[in-house]
Amino acid sequence: QVQLVESGGDLVQPGGSLRLSCAASGLTLDYYTVAWFRQAPGKEREGLACISKIYETTVYVDSVKGRYTISVDKAENTMYLQMNSLKPEDTAVYYCAVDSDPPWAKVSSTSIGADGFDSWGQGTQVSVSS
């Protein structure tokens, strides 16, 4: 059974940094498309960053490009989201996700679809405020 356990969410001041972690069990992250999403109150879930094994590319949406970095540590079987220059509008619950079975998630240079991702973390709260 696949399990994704997230950690690292916190309250941080504008301009600060955080690193979110997502430890996986039941599958090998490096084999699959992985992504980070977030959902703010009253808003739809938004795809932020994705390492796509189908399209063989890493994608960032415009709102986080240049500030966020997604990575996978093969030895630890853990994915990370390094977040720099945080803004109040980055406040949300953040989720990691893995696409391990078809139908595959739709990923383009500007968007990351949530449909198709099969396994999700429990979410971790990130709050950016002074």
Foldseek 3Di string as FASTA:
>chain_A
DKAWAKDWADEAAAQAKTKMKIQIDPDQQVVFKKFKWWDAPPGDIFTAWICHPVVRDIAGAPVQPPFWDWDADRVRSMIMIIGGRDDQVVWTWMKMFTQDDPPAWDDDNHGTHPPRTDDMYPTGTHGYHD
